[in-house]
Amino acid sequence: MGRSASTISREVKRNGGRGQYRAERRAFRKARRPKVAKLSELTAFEFKRFLAEFQGRGLSPNTVHGFFEVIKAFGNWALREGWEVGPALLRVLGPKVPVTEMETYSEAQLDSARAPMSQYPAG
């Protein structure tokens, strides 16, 4: 590693010893994400806050809606399995996804697409 054994030993001891990486654990605990530890603690407010945080990160509306669908499906599954799930959580409505209209081709674009096919006989 290019360092003396005493330097490496000192750093390992300072960071909690073998198998213990304090800095990584600290970063994981402080990461920006919902801090819900139990399913029963996941309220409708926390769910909406989670979705708003994803929207604030600049994720596409389809991505945020995908997260919504996964979490809502998990909540419904947990309820069917007998886990305690707040009914308000299951009533949360999904975020709006903009509907984009497909562009239509102009006649010139259609003609250029049809041109290679004109060399083949119909049949």
PDB file of N, CA and C in Angstrom:
ATOM      1  N   MET A   1       0.819  -1.196   0.000  1.00  0.00           N
ATOM      2  CA  MET A   1       0.000   0.000   0.000  1.00  0.00           C
ATOM      3  C   MET A   1       0.862   1.258   0.000  1.00  0.00           C
ATOM      4  N   GLY A   2       2.140   1.114   0.191  1.00  0.00           N
ATOM      5  CA  GLY A   2       3.017   2.261   0.162  1.00  0.00           C
ATOM      6  C   GLY A   2       3.072   3.021   1.473  1.00  0.00           C
ATOM      7  N   ARG A   3       2.585   2.434   2.552  1.00  0.00           N
ATOM      8  CA  ARG A   3       2.605   3.076   3.874  1.00  0.00           C
ATOM      9  C   ARG A   3       3.264   2.116   4.859  1.00  0.00           C
ATOM     10  N   SER A   4       3.807   2.700   5.901  1.00  0.00           N
ATOM     11  CA  SER A   4       4.438   1.843   6.905  1.00  0.00           C
ATOM     12  C   SER A   4       3.368   1.105   7.698  1.00  0.00           C
ATOM     13  N   ALA A   5       3.769  -0.019   8.285  1.00  0.00           N
ATOM     14  CA  ALA A   5       2.836  -0.849   9.043  1.00  0.00           C
ATOM     15  C   ALA A   5       2.262  -0.081  10.232  1.00  0.00           C
ATOM     16  N   SER A   6       3.061   0.770  10.859  1.00  0.00           N
ATOM     17  CA  SER A   6       2.561   1.517  12.021  1.00  0.00           C
ATOM     18  C   SER A   6       1.481   2.523  11.613  1.00  0.00           C
ATOM     19  N   THR A   7       1.625   3.118  10.426  1.00  0.00           N
ATOM     20  CA  THR A   7       0.627   4.068   9.951  1.00  0.00           C
ATOM     21  C   THR A   7      -0.693   3.352   9.686  1.00  0.00           C
ATOM     22  N   ILE A   8      -0.610   2.215   9.034  1.00  0.00           N
ATOM     23  CA  ILE A   8      -1.821   1.449   8.740  1.00  0.00           C
ATOM     24  C   ILE A   8      -2.470   0.976  10.029  1.00  0.00           C
ATOM     25  N   SER A   9      -1.667   0.484  10.965  1.00  0.00           N
ATOM     26  CA  SER A   9      -2.199   0.015  12.238  1.00  0.00           C
ATOM     27  C   SER A   9      -2.901   1.145  12.981  1.00  0.00           C
ATOM     28  N   ARG A  10      -2.288   2.326  12.997  1.00  0.00           N
ATOM     29  CA  ARG A  10      -2.877   3.470  13.688  1.00  0.00           C
ATOM     30  C   ARG A  10      -4.212   3.857  13.056  1.00  0.00           C
ATOM     31  N   GLU A  11      -4.295   3.863  11.723  1.00  0.00           N
ATOM     32  CA  GLU A  11      -5.539   4.229  11.042  1.00  0.00           C
ATOM     33  C   GLU A  11      -6.634   3.193  11.292  1.00  0.00           C
ATOM     34  N   VAL A  12      -6.265   1.925  11.293  1.00  0.00           N
ATOM     35  CA  VAL A  12      -7.252   0.875  11.559  1.00  0.00           C
ATOM     36  C   VAL A  12      -7.797   1.030  12.970  1.00  0.00           C
ATOM     37  N   LYS A  13      -6.923   1.278  13.950  1.00  0.00           N
ATOM     38  CA  LYS A  13      -7.383   1.458  15.332  1.00  0.00           C
ATOM     39  C   LYS A  13      -8.256   2.702  15.465  1.00  0.00           C
ATOM     40  N   ARG A  14      -7.857   3.779  14.779  1.00  0.00           N
ATOM     41  CA  ARG A  14      -8.607   5.023  14.866  1.00  0.00           C
ATOM     42  C   ARG A  14     -10.008   4.877  14.285  1.00  0.00           C
ATOM     43  N   ASN A  15     -10.158   4.038  13.273  1.00  0.00           N
ATOM     44  CA  ASN A  15     -11.453   3.865  12.622  1.00  0.00           C
ATOM     45  C   ASN A  15     -12.250   2.688  13.167  1.00  0.00           C
ATOM     46  N   GLY A  16     -11.884   2.189  14.321  1.00  0.00           N
ATOM     47  CA  GLY A  16     -12.704   1.189  14.983  1.00  0.00           C
ATOM     48  C   GLY A  16     -12.216  -0.234  14.864  1.00  0.00           C
ATOM     49  N   GLY A  17     -11.059  -0.483  14.315  1.00  0.00           N
ATOM     50  CA  GLY A  17     -10.527  -1.839  14.239  1.00  0.00           C
ATOM     51  C   GLY A  17     -10.991  -2.579  13.007  1.00  0.00           C
ATOM     52  N   ARG A  18     -10.592  -3.836  12.920  1.00  0.00           N
ATOM     53  CA  ARG A  18     -10.938  -4.657  11.753  1.00  0.00           C
ATOM     54  C   ARG A  18     -12.444  -4.849  11.639  1.00  0.00           C
ATOM     55  N   GLY A  19     -12.935  -4.709  10.422  1.00  0.00           N
ATOM     56  CA  GLY A  19     -14.357  -4.918  10.191  1.00  0.00           C
ATOM     57  C   GLY A  19     -15.228  -3.752  10.630  1.00  0.00           C
ATOM     58  N   GLN A  20     -14.660  -2.764  11.249  1.00  0.00           N
ATOM     59  CA  GLN A  20     -15.416  -1.614  11.730  1.00  0.00           C
ATOM     60  C   GLN A  20     -14.948  -0.375  10.977  1.00  0.00           C
ATOM     61  N   TYR A  21     -15.794   0.165  10.163  1.00  0.00           N
ATOM     62  CA  TYR A  21     -15.451   1.362   9.406  1.00  0.00           C
ATOM     63  C   TYR A  21     -16.390   2.472   9.860  1.00  0.00           C
ATOM     64  N   ARG A  22     -15.949   3.172  10.871  1.00  0.00           N
ATOM     65  CA  ARG A  22     -16.784   4.204  11.476  1.00  0.00           C
ATOM     66  C   ARG A  22     -17.239   5.251  10.467  1.00  0.00           C
ATOM     67  N   ALA A  23     -16.328   5.650   9.607  1.00  0.00           N
ATOM     68  CA  ALA A  23     -16.670   6.692   8.642  1.00  0.00           C
ATOM     69  C   ALA A  23     -17.784   6.220   7.712  1.00  0.00           C
ATOM     70  N   GLU A  24     -17.718   4.975   7.267  1.00  0.00           N
ATOM     71  CA  GLU A  24     -18.763   4.451   6.391  1.00  0.00           C
ATOM     72  C   GLU A  24     -20.095   4.337   7.127  1.00  0.00           C
ATOM     73  N   ARG A  25     -20.051   3.872   8.363  1.00  0.00           N
ATOM     74  CA  ARG A  25     -21.284   3.762   9.142  1.00  0.00           C
ATOM     75  C   ARG A  25     -21.894   5.135   9.367  1.00  0.00           C
ATOM     76  N   ARG A  26     -21.051   6.110   9.694  1.00  0.00           N
ATOM     77  CA  ARG A  26     -21.532   7.465   9.932  1.00  0.00           C
ATOM     78  C   ARG A  26     -22.153   8.035   8.662  1.00  0.00           C
ATOM     79  N   ALA A  27     -21.508   7.832   7.529  1.00  0.00           N
ATOM     80  CA  ALA A  27     -22.045   8.330   6.260  1.00  0.00           C
ATOM     81  C   ALA A  27     -23.377   7.659   5.942  1.00  0.00           C
ATOM     82  N   PHE A  28     -23.488   6.363   6.231  1.00  0.00           N
ATOM     83  CA  PHE A  28     -24.740   5.651   5.974  1.00  0.00           C
ATOM     84  C   PHE A  28     -25.869   6.200   6.842  1.00  0.00           C
ATOM     85  N   ARG A  29     -25.560   6.463   8.122  1.00  0.00           N
ATOM     86  CA  ARG A  29     -26.581   6.983   9.039  1.00  0.00           C
ATOM     87  C   ARG A  29     -27.025   8.385   8.661  1.00  0.00           C
ATOM     88  N   LYS A  30     -26.111   9.184   8.131  1.00  0.00           N
ATOM     89  CA  LYS A  30     -26.429  10.574   7.825  1.00  0.00           C
ATOM     90  C   LYS A  30     -26.915  10.769   6.393  1.00  0.00           C
ATOM     91  N   ALA A  31     -26.993   9.702   5.631  1.00  0.00           N
ATOM     92  CA  ALA A  31     -27.394   9.812   4.230  1.00  0.00           C
ATOM     93  C   ALA A  31     -28.794  10.411   4.131  1.00  0.00           C
ATOM     94  N   ARG A  32     -29.022  11.152   3.046  1.00  0.00           N
ATOM     95  CA  ARG A  32     -30.329  11.774   2.837  1.00  0.00           C
ATOM     96  C   ARG A  32     -31.305  10.722   2.341  1.00  0.00           C
ATOM     97  N   ARG A  33     -32.097  10.220   3.237  1.00  0.00           N
ATOM     98  CA  ARG A  33     -33.140   9.270   2.893  1.00  0.00           C
ATOM     99  C   ARG A  33     -34.105   9.207   4.069  1.00  0.00           C
ATOM    100  N   PRO A  34     -35.288   8.722   3.855  1.00  0.00           N
ATOM    101  CA  PRO A  34     -36.224   8.610   4.977  1.00  0.00           C
ATOM    102  C   PRO A  34     -35.662   7.701   6.067  1.00  0.00           C
ATOM    103  N   LYS A  35     -35.874   8.078   7.296  1.00  0.00           N
ATOM    104  CA  LYS A  35     -35.325   7.339   8.428  1.00  0.00           C
ATOM    105  C   LYS A  35     -36.395   6.486   9.113  1.00  0.00           C
ATOM    106  N   VAL A  36     -37.226   5.837   8.342  1.00  0.00           N
ATOM    107  CA  VAL A  36     -38.279   4.997   8.904  1.00  0.00           C
ATOM    108  C   VAL A  36     -37.682   3.617   9.167  1.00  0.00           C
ATOM    109  N   ALA A  37     -37.789   3.165  10.412  1.00  0.00           N
ATOM    110  CA  ALA A  37     -37.193   1.883  10.784  1.00  0.00           C
ATOM    111  C   ALA A  37     -38.203   0.742  10.718  1.00  0.00           C
ATOM    112  N   LYS A  38     -39.482   1.053  10.904  1.00  0.00           N
ATOM    113  CA  LYS A  38     -40.500   0.012  10.919  1.00  0.00           C
ATOM    114  C   LYS A  38     -41.610   0.377   9.945  1.00  0.00           C
ATOM    115  N   LEU A  39     -42.230  -0.636   9.407  1.00  0.00           N
ATOM    116  CA  LEU A  39     -43.317  -0.407   8.458  1.00  0.00           C
ATOM    117  C   LEU A  39     -44.457   0.365   9.111  1.00  0.00           C
ATOM    118  N   SER A  40     -44.706   0.101  10.386  1.00  0.00           N
ATOM    119  CA  SER A  40     -45.797   0.802  11.062  1.00  0.00           C
ATOM    120  C   SER A  40     -45.485   2.289  11.249  1.00  0.00           C
ATOM    121  N   GLU A  41     -44.207   2.677  11.149  1.00  0.00           N
ATOM    122  CA  GLU A  41     -43.825   4.084  11.273  1.00  0.00           C
ATOM    123  C   GLU A  41     -43.925   4.831   9.949  1.00  0.00           C
ATOM    124  N   LEU A  42     -44.130   4.115   8.862  1.00  0.00           N
ATOM    125  CA  LEU A  42     -44.240   4.754   7.561  1.00  0.00           C
ATOM    126  C   LEU A  42     -45.642   5.330   7.417  1.00  0.00           C
ATOM    127  N   THR A  43     -45.748   6.614   7.670  1.00  0.00           N
ATOM    128  CA  THR A  43     -47.042   7.289   7.591  1.00  0.00           C
ATOM    129  C   THR A  43     -47.223   7.870   6.196  1.00  0.00           C
ATOM    130  N   ALA A  44     -48.430   8.335   5.944  1.00  0.00           N
ATOM    131  CA  ALA A  44     -48.705   8.978   4.663  1.00  0.00           C
ATOM    132  C   ALA A  44     -47.827  10.220   4.504  1.00  0.00           C
ATOM    133  N   PHE A  45     -47.616  10.952   5.600  1.00  0.00           N
ATOM    134  CA  PHE A  45     -46.763  12.148   5.551  1.00  0.00           C
ATOM    135  C   PHE A  45     -45.332  11.772   5.161  1.00  0.00           C
ATOM    136  N   GLU A  46     -44.778  10.721   5.780  1.00  0.00           N
ATOM    137  CA  GLU A  46     -43.417  10.285   5.462  1.00  0.00           C
ATOM    138  C   GLU A  46     -43.321   9.827   4.013  1.00  0.00           C
ATOM    139  N   PHE A  47     -44.337   9.144   3.556  1.00  0.00           N
ATOM    140  CA  PHE A  47     -44.374   8.654   2.173  1.00  0.00           C
ATOM    141  C   PHE A  47     -44.354   9.837   1.202  1.00  0.00           C
ATOM    142  N   LYS A  48     -45.176  10.840   1.471  1.00  0.00           N
ATOM    143  CA  LYS A  48     -45.217  12.028   0.613  1.00  0.00           C
ATOM    144  C   LYS A  48     -43.890  12.789   0.676  1.00  0.00           C
ATOM    145  N   ARG A  49     -43.293  12.849   1.863  1.00  0.00           N
ATOM    146  CA  ARG A  49     -41.998  13.529   2.008  1.00  0.00           C
ATOM    147  C   ARG A  49     -40.924  12.807   1.201  1.00  0.00           C
ATOM    148  N   PHE A  50     -40.966  11.494   1.225  1.00  0.00           N
ATOM    149  CA  PHE A  50     -40.029  10.677   0.461  1.00  0.00           C
ATOM    150  C   PHE A  50     -40.159  10.963  -1.030  1.00  0.00           C
ATOM    151  N   LEU A  51     -41.382  11.012  -1.517  1.00  0.00           N
ATOM    152  CA  LEU A  51     -41.608  11.288  -2.938  1.00  0.00           C
ATOM    153  C   LEU A  51     -41.184  12.711  -3.296  1.00  0.00           C
ATOM    154  N   ALA A  52     -41.464  13.665  -2.408  1.00  0.00           N
ATOM    155  CA  ALA A  52     -41.064  15.055  -2.658  1.00  0.00           C
ATOM    156  C   ALA A  52     -39.551  15.188  -2.692  1.00  0.00           C
ATOM    157  N   GLU A  53     -38.860  14.427  -1.849  1.00  0.00           N
ATOM    158  CA  GLU A  53     -37.396  14.458  -1.852  1.00  0.00           C
ATOM    159  C   GLU A  53     -36.861  13.943  -3.187  1.00  0.00           C
ATOM    160  N   PHE A  54     -37.467  12.897  -3.709  1.00  0.00           N
ATOM    161  CA  PHE A  54     -37.036  12.376  -5.007  1.00  0.00           C
ATOM    162  C   PHE A  54     -37.312  13.379  -6.120  1.00  0.00           C
ATOM    163  N   GLN A  55     -38.466  14.042  -6.043  1.00  0.00           N
ATOM    164  CA  GLN A  55     -38.769  15.065  -7.047  1.00  0.00           C
ATOM    165  C   GLN A  55     -37.775  16.215  -6.942  1.00  0.00           C
ATOM    166  N   GLY A  56     -37.377  16.561  -5.717  1.00  0.00           N
ATOM    167  CA  GLY A  56     -36.408  17.631  -5.494  1.00  0.00           C
ATOM    168  C   GLY A  56     -35.019  17.299  -6.011  1.00  0.00           C
ATOM    169  N   ARG A  57     -34.715  16.036  -6.136  1.00  0.00           N
ATOM    170  CA  ARG A  57     -33.405  15.622  -6.667  1.00  0.00           C
ATOM    171  C   ARG A  57     -33.341  15.728  -8.185  1.00  0.00           C
ATOM    172  N   GLY A  58     -34.462  16.035  -8.801  1.00  0.00           N
ATOM    173  CA  GLY A  58     -34.479  16.200 -10.249  1.00  0.00           C
ATOM    174  C   GLY A  58     -34.717  14.910 -11.016  1.00  0.00           C
ATOM    175  N   LEU A  59     -35.223  13.883 -10.327  1.00  0.00           N
ATOM    176  CA  LEU A  59     -35.540  12.646 -11.032  1.00  0.00           C
ATOM    177  C   LEU A  59     -36.749  12.867 -11.929  1.00  0.00           C
ATOM    178  N   SER A  60     -36.831  12.107 -12.976  1.00  0.00           N
ATOM    179  CA  SER A  60     -37.952  12.272 -13.904  1.00  0.00           C
ATOM    180  C   SER A  60     -39.258  11.888 -13.209  1.00  0.00           C
ATOM    181  N   PRO A  61     -40.365  12.486 -13.640  1.00  0.00           N
ATOM    182  CA  PRO A  61     -41.658  12.157 -13.039  1.00  0.00           C
ATOM    183  C   PRO A  61     -41.995  10.675 -13.147  1.00  0.00           C
ATOM    184  N   ASN A  62     -41.584  10.030 -14.239  1.00  0.00           N
ATOM    185  CA  ASN A  62     -41.850   8.591 -14.376  1.00  0.00           C
ATOM    186  C   ASN A  62     -41.066   7.786 -13.355  1.00  0.00           C
ATOM    187  N   THR A  63     -39.844   8.193 -13.053  1.00  0.00           N
ATOM    188  CA  THR A  63     -39.031   7.501 -12.049  1.00  0.00           C
ATOM    189  C   THR A  63     -39.662   7.633 -10.675  1.00  0.00           C
ATOM    190  N   VAL A  64     -40.079   8.850 -10.321  1.00  0.00           N
ATOM    191  CA  VAL A  64     -40.709   9.081  -9.019  1.00  0.00           C
ATOM    192  C   VAL A  64     -41.999   8.275  -8.916  1.00  0.00           C
ATOM    193  N   HIS A  65     -42.768   8.251  -9.987  1.00  0.00           N
ATOM    194  CA  HIS A  65     -44.015   7.486  -9.977  1.00  0.00           C
ATOM    195  C   HIS A  65     -43.725   5.991  -9.849  1.00  0.00           C
ATOM    196  N   GLY A  66     -42.630   5.539 -10.440  1.00  0.00           N
ATOM    197  CA  GLY A  66     -42.234   4.138 -10.296  1.00  0.00           C
ATOM    198  C   GLY A  66     -41.924   3.787  -8.850  1.00  0.00           C
ATOM    199  N   PHE A  67     -41.203   4.684  -8.154  1.00  0.00           N
ATOM    200  CA  PHE A  67     -40.934   4.464  -6.727  1.00  0.00           C
ATOM    201  C   PHE A  67     -42.245   4.411  -5.950  1.00  0.00           C
ATOM    202  N   PHE A  68     -43.159   5.315  -6.279  1.00  0.00           N
ATOM    203  CA  PHE A  68     -44.458   5.340  -5.615  1.00  0.00           C
ATOM    204  C   PHE A  68     -45.165   4.000  -5.772  1.00  0.00           C
ATOM    205  N   GLU A  69     -45.196   3.483  -6.998  1.00  0.00           N
ATOM    206  CA  GLU A  69     -45.899   2.226  -7.253  1.00  0.00           C
ATOM    207  C   GLU A  69     -45.269   1.058  -6.502  1.00  0.00           C
ATOM    208  N   VAL A  70     -43.950   1.032  -6.423  1.00  0.00           N
ATOM    209  CA  VAL A  70     -43.267  -0.058  -5.711  1.00  0.00           C
ATOM    210  C   VAL A  70     -43.594  -0.014  -4.227  1.00  0.00           C
ATOM    211  N   ILE A  71     -43.515   1.169  -3.626  1.00  0.00           N
ATOM    212  CA  ILE A  71     -43.774   1.275  -2.181  1.00  0.00           C
ATOM    213  C   ILE A  71     -45.234   0.982  -1.877  1.00  0.00           C
ATOM    214  N   LYS A  72     -46.119   1.471  -2.719  1.00  0.00           N
ATOM    215  CA  LYS A  72     -47.543   1.205  -2.487  1.00  0.00           C
ATOM    216  C   LYS A  72     -47.847  -0.287  -2.647  1.00  0.00           C
ATOM    217  N   ALA A  73     -47.247  -0.928  -3.633  1.00  0.00           N
ATOM    218  CA  ALA A  73     -47.440  -2.370  -3.810  1.00  0.00           C
ATOM    219  C   ALA A  73     -46.893  -3.135  -2.610  1.00  0.00           C
ATOM    220  N   PHE A  74     -45.752  -2.691  -2.094  1.00  0.00           N
ATOM    221  CA  PHE A  74     -45.187  -3.340  -0.904  1.00  0.00           C
ATOM    222  C   PHE A  74     -46.130  -3.182   0.288  1.00  0.00           C
ATOM    223  N   GLY A  75     -46.703  -1.986   0.456  1.00  0.00           N
ATOM    224  CA  GLY A  75     -47.645  -1.760   1.554  1.00  0.00           C
ATOM    225  C   GLY A  75     -48.864  -2.648   1.434  1.00  0.00           C
ATOM    226  N   ASN A  76     -49.390  -2.789   0.228  1.00  0.00           N
ATOM    227  CA  ASN A  76     -50.549  -3.671   0.018  1.00  0.00           C
ATOM    228  C   ASN A  76     -50.199  -5.125   0.291  1.00  0.00           C
ATOM    229  N   TRP A  77     -49.013  -5.541  -0.140  1.00  0.00           N
ATOM    230  CA  TRP A  77     -48.573  -6.913   0.128  1.00  0.00           C
ATOM    231  C   TRP A  77     -48.444  -7.138   1.634  1.00  0.00           C
ATOM    232  N   ALA A  78     -47.808  -6.171   2.325  1.00  0.00           N
ATOM    233  CA  ALA A  78     -47.618  -6.314   3.774  1.00  0.00           C
ATOM    234  C   ALA A  78     -48.954  -6.404   4.496  1.00  0.00           C
ATOM    235  N   LEU A  79     -49.919  -5.625   4.052  1.00  0.00           N
ATOM    236  CA  LEU A  79     -51.254  -5.677   4.664  1.00  0.00           C
ATOM    237  C   LEU A  79     -51.882  -7.053   4.464  1.00  0.00           C
ATOM    238  N   ARG A  80     -51.779  -7.594   3.254  1.00  0.00           N
ATOM    239  CA  ARG A  80     -52.326  -8.937   2.989  1.00  0.00           C
ATOM    240  C   ARG A  80     -51.632 -10.006   3.825  1.00  0.00           C
ATOM    241  N   GLU A  81     -50.353  -9.789   4.131  1.00  0.00           N
ATOM    242  CA  GLU A  81     -49.596 -10.762   4.927  1.00  0.00           C
ATOM    243  C   GLU A  81     -49.823 -10.602   6.429  1.00  0.00           C
ATOM    244  N   GLY A  82     -50.605  -9.592   6.814  1.00  0.00           N
ATOM    245  CA  GLY A  82     -50.935  -9.418   8.225  1.00  0.00           C
ATOM    246  C   GLY A  82     -50.062  -8.427   8.965  1.00  0.00           C
ATOM    247  N   TRP A  83     -49.221  -7.691   8.274  1.00  0.00           N
ATOM    248  CA  TRP A  83     -48.397  -6.677   8.921  1.00  0.00           C
ATOM    249  C   TRP A  83     -49.236  -5.431   9.185  1.00  0.00           C
ATOM    250  N   GLU A  84     -48.836  -4.675  10.179  1.00  0.00           N
ATOM    251  CA  GLU A  84     -49.551  -3.443  10.520  1.00  0.00           C
ATOM    252  C   GLU A  84     -49.152  -2.339   9.541  1.00  0.00           C
ATOM    253  N   VAL A  85     -50.112  -1.899   8.766  1.00  0.00           N
ATOM    254  CA  VAL A  85     -49.884  -0.833   7.788  1.00  0.00           C
ATOM    255  C   VAL A  85     -50.974   0.203   7.982  1.00  0.00           C
ATOM    256  N   GLY A  86     -50.570   1.470   8.073  1.00  0.00           N
ATOM    257  CA  GLY A  86     -51.544   2.541   8.245  1.00  0.00           C
ATOM    258  C   GLY A  86     -52.446   2.662   7.033  1.00  0.00           C
ATOM    259  N   PRO A  87     -53.758   2.733   7.247  1.00  0.00           N
ATOM    260  CA  PRO A  87     -54.671   2.832   6.102  1.00  0.00           C
ATOM    261  C   PRO A  87     -54.461   4.113   5.302  1.00  0.00           C
ATOM    262  N   ALA A  88     -54.011   5.180   5.956  1.00  0.00           N
ATOM    263  CA  ALA A  88     -53.762   6.438   5.239  1.00  0.00           C
ATOM    264  C   ALA A  88     -52.634   6.268   4.228  1.00  0.00           C
ATOM    265  N   LEU A  89     -51.689   5.407   4.546  1.00  0.00           N
ATOM    266  CA  LEU A  89     -50.577   5.153   3.627  1.00  0.00           C
ATOM    267  C   LEU A  89     -51.079   4.574   2.312  1.00  0.00           C
ATOM    268  N   LEU A  90     -52.063   3.702   2.398  1.00  0.00           N
ATOM    269  CA  LEU A  90     -52.572   3.041   1.204  1.00  0.00           C
ATOM    270  C   LEU A  90     -53.515   3.934   0.393  1.00  0.00           C
ATOM    271  N   ARG A  91     -53.924   5.065   0.989  1.00  0.00           N
ATOM    272  CA  ARG A  91     -54.804   5.999   0.269  1.00  0.00           C
ATOM    273  C   ARG A  91     -54.035   7.134  -0.400  1.00  0.00           C
ATOM    274  N   VAL A  92     -52.727   7.183  -0.233  1.00  0.00           N
ATOM    275  CA  VAL A  92     -51.926   8.247  -0.853  1.00  0.00           C
ATOM    276  C   VAL A  92     -52.030   8.119  -2.370  1.00  0.00           C
ATOM    277  N   LEU A  93     -52.282   9.242  -3.016  1.00  0.00           N
ATOM    278  CA  LEU A  93     -52.369   9.261  -4.471  1.00  0.00           C
ATOM    279  C   LEU A  93     -50.989   9.485  -5.068  1.00  0.00           C
ATOM    280  N   GLY A  94     -50.766   8.886  -6.196  1.00  0.00           N
ATOM    281  CA  GLY A  94     -49.470   8.984  -6.852  1.00  0.00           C
ATOM    282  C   GLY A  94     -49.210  10.358  -7.430  1.00  0.00           C
ATOM    283  N   PRO A  95     -47.940  10.691  -7.627  1.00  0.00           N
ATOM    284  CA  PRO A  95     -47.607  11.975  -8.228  1.00  0.00           C
ATOM    285  C   PRO A  95     -48.045  12.013  -9.690  1.00  0.00           C
ATOM    286  N   LYS A  96     -48.345  13.201 -10.137  1.00  0.00           N
ATOM    287  CA  LYS A  96     -48.798  13.367 -11.520  1.00  0.00           C
ATOM    288  C   LYS A  96     -47.641  13.127 -12.476  1.00  0.00           C
ATOM    289  N   VAL A  97     -47.939  12.437 -13.559  1.00  0.00           N
ATOM    290  CA  VAL A  97     -46.952  12.194 -14.603  1.00  0.00           C
ATOM    291  C   VAL A  97     -47.458  12.900 -15.854  1.00  0.00           C
ATOM    292  N   PRO A  98     -46.654  13.794 -16.410  1.00  0.00           N
ATOM    293  CA  PRO A  98     -47.136  14.493 -17.602  1.00  0.00           C
ATOM    294  C   PRO A  98     -47.342  13.534 -18.768  1.00  0.00           C
ATOM    295  N   VAL A  99     -48.410  13.749 -19.476  1.00  0.00           N
ATOM    296  CA  VAL A  99     -48.719  12.924 -20.648  1.00  0.00           C
ATOM    297  C   VAL A  99     -48.185  13.659 -21.863  1.00  0.00           C
ATOM    298  N   THR A 100     -47.316  13.009 -22.592  1.00  0.00           N
ATOM    299  CA  THR A 100     -46.771  13.629 -23.797  1.00  0.00           C
ATOM    300  C   THR A 100     -47.427  12.990 -25.012  1.00  0.00           C
ATOM    301  N   GLU A 101     -47.805  13.833 -25.921  1.00  0.00           N
ATOM    302  CA  GLU A 101     -48.443  13.346 -27.130  1.00  0.00           C
ATOM    303  C   GLU A 101     -47.360  12.943 -28.114  1.00  0.00           C
ATOM    304  N   MET A 102     -47.556  11.809 -28.751  1.00  0.00           N
ATOM    305  CA  MET A 102     -46.577  11.342 -29.724  1.00  0.00           C
ATOM    306  C   MET A 102     -46.584  12.256 -30.930  1.00  0.00           C
ATOM    307  N   GLU A 103     -45.411  12.520 -31.436  1.00  0.00           N
ATOM    308  CA  GLU A 103     -45.312  13.337 -32.636  1.00  0.00           C
ATOM    309  C   GLU A 103     -45.692  12.496 -33.845  1.00  0.00           C
ATOM    310  N   THR A 104     -46.411  13.120 -34.770  1.00  0.00           N
ATOM    311  CA  THR A 104     -46.759  12.415 -35.994  1.00  0.00           C
ATOM    312  C   THR A 104     -45.741  12.777 -37.063  1.00  0.00           C
ATOM    313  N   TYR A 105     -45.587  11.896 -38.021  1.00  0.00           N
ATOM    314  CA  TYR A 105     -44.645  12.133 -39.110  1.00  0.00           C
ATOM    315  C   TYR A 105     -45.281  13.015 -40.181  1.00  0.00           C
ATOM    316  N   SER A 106     -44.459  13.839 -40.779  1.00  0.00           N
ATOM    317  CA  SER A 106     -44.940  14.648 -41.900  1.00  0.00           C
ATOM    318  C   SER A 106     -45.018  13.753 -43.142  1.00  0.00           C
ATOM    319  N   GLU A 107     -45.676  14.236 -44.177  1.00  0.00           N
ATOM    320  CA  GLU A 107     -45.778  13.456 -45.417  1.00  0.00           C
ATOM    321  C   GLU A 107     -44.396  13.205 -46.012  1.00  0.00           C
ATOM    322  N   ALA A 108     -43.505  14.186 -45.924  1.00  0.00           N
ATOM    323  CA  ALA A 108     -42.150  14.018 -46.465  1.00  0.00           C
ATOM    324  C   ALA A 108     -41.403  12.912 -45.715  1.00  0.00           C
ATOM    325  N   GLN A 109     -41.570  12.843 -44.391  1.00  0.00           N
ATOM    326  CA  GLN A 109     -40.921  11.791 -43.611  1.00  0.00           C
ATOM    327  C   GLN A 109     -41.512  10.425 -43.950  1.00  0.00           C
ATOM    328  N   LEU A 110     -42.818  10.369 -44.123  1.00  0.00           N
ATOM    329  CA  LEU A 110     -43.460   9.110 -44.490  1.00  0.00           C
ATOM    330  C   LEU A 110     -42.993   8.643 -45.866  1.00  0.00           C
ATOM    331  N   ASP A 111     -42.891   9.570 -46.821  1.00  0.00           N
ATOM    332  CA  ASP A 111     -42.427   9.214 -48.167  1.00  0.00           C
ATOM    333  C   ASP A 111     -40.999   8.682 -48.135  1.00  0.00           C
ATOM    334  N   SER A 112     -40.135   9.312 -47.336  1.00  0.00           N
ATOM    335  CA  SER A 112     -38.748   8.837 -47.263  1.00  0.00           C
ATOM    336  C   SER A 112     -38.669   7.472 -46.579  1.00  0.00           C
ATOM    337  N   ALA A 113     -39.590   7.176 -45.685  1.00  0.00           N
ATOM    338  CA  ALA A 113     -39.607   5.871 -45.039  1.00  0.00           C
ATOM    339  C   ALA A 113     -40.162   4.800 -45.974  1.00  0.00           C
ATOM    340  N   ARG A 114     -41.092   5.188 -46.842  1.00  0.00           N
ATOM    341  CA  ARG A 114     -41.700   4.236 -47.777  1.00  0.00           C
ATOM    342  C   ARG A 114     -40.809   3.968 -48.990  1.00  0.00           C
ATOM    343  N   ALA A 115     -39.941   4.898 -49.329  1.00  0.00           N
ATOM    344  CA  ALA A 115     -39.142   4.795 -50.554  1.00  0.00           C
ATOM    345  C   ALA A 115     -38.348   3.496 -50.652  1.00  0.00           C
ATOM    346  N   PRO A 116     -37.642   3.044 -49.618  1.00  0.00           N
ATOM    347  CA  PRO A 116     -36.898   1.791 -49.758  1.00  0.00           C
ATOM    348  C   PRO A 116     -37.804   0.584 -49.998  1.00  0.00           C
ATOM    349  N   MET A 117     -39.033   0.658 -49.536  1.00  0.00           N
ATOM    350  CA  MET A 117     -39.958  -0.471 -49.689  1.00  0.00           C
ATOM    351  C   MET A 117     -40.521  -0.559 -51.099  1.00  0.00           C
ATOM    352  N   SER A 118     -40.438   0.512 -51.874  1.00  0.00           N
ATOM    353  CA  SER A 118     -41.017   0.511 -53.226  1.00  0.00           C
ATOM    354  C   SER A 118     -40.248  -0.405 -54.169  1.00  0.00           C
ATOM    355  N   GLN A 119     -39.024  -0.781 -53.831  1.00  0.00           N
ATOM    356  CA  GLN A 119     -38.250  -1.659 -54.705  1.00  0.00           C
ATOM    357  C   GLN A 119     -38.674  -3.124 -54.595  1.00  0.00           C
ATOM    358  N   TYR A 120     -39.450  -3.441 -53.584  1.00  0.00           N
ATOM    359  CA  TYR A 120     -39.920  -4.811 -53.392  1.00  0.00           C
ATOM    360  C   TYR A 120     -41.336  -4.957 -53.934  1.00  0.00           C
ATOM    361  N   PRO A 121     -41.616  -6.032 -54.650  1.00  0.00           N
ATOM    362  CA  PRO A 121     -42.979  -6.214 -55.177  1.00  0.00           C
ATOM    363  C   PRO A 121     -43.952  -6.535 -54.055  1.00  0.00           C
ATOM    364  N   ALA A 122     -45.154  -6.026 -54.194  1.00  0.00           N
ATOM    365  CA  ALA A 122     -46.206  -6.272 -53.193  1.00  0.00           C
ATOM    366  C   ALA A 122     -46.684  -7.713 -53.356  1.00  0.00           C
ATOM    367  N   GLY A 123     -46.950  -8.337 -52.272  1.00  0.00           N
ATOM    368  CA  GLY A 123     -47.469  -9.669 -52.476  1.00  0.00           C
ATOM    369  C   GLY A 123     -47.433 -10.510 -51.333  1.00  0.00           C
TER     370      GLY A 123
END
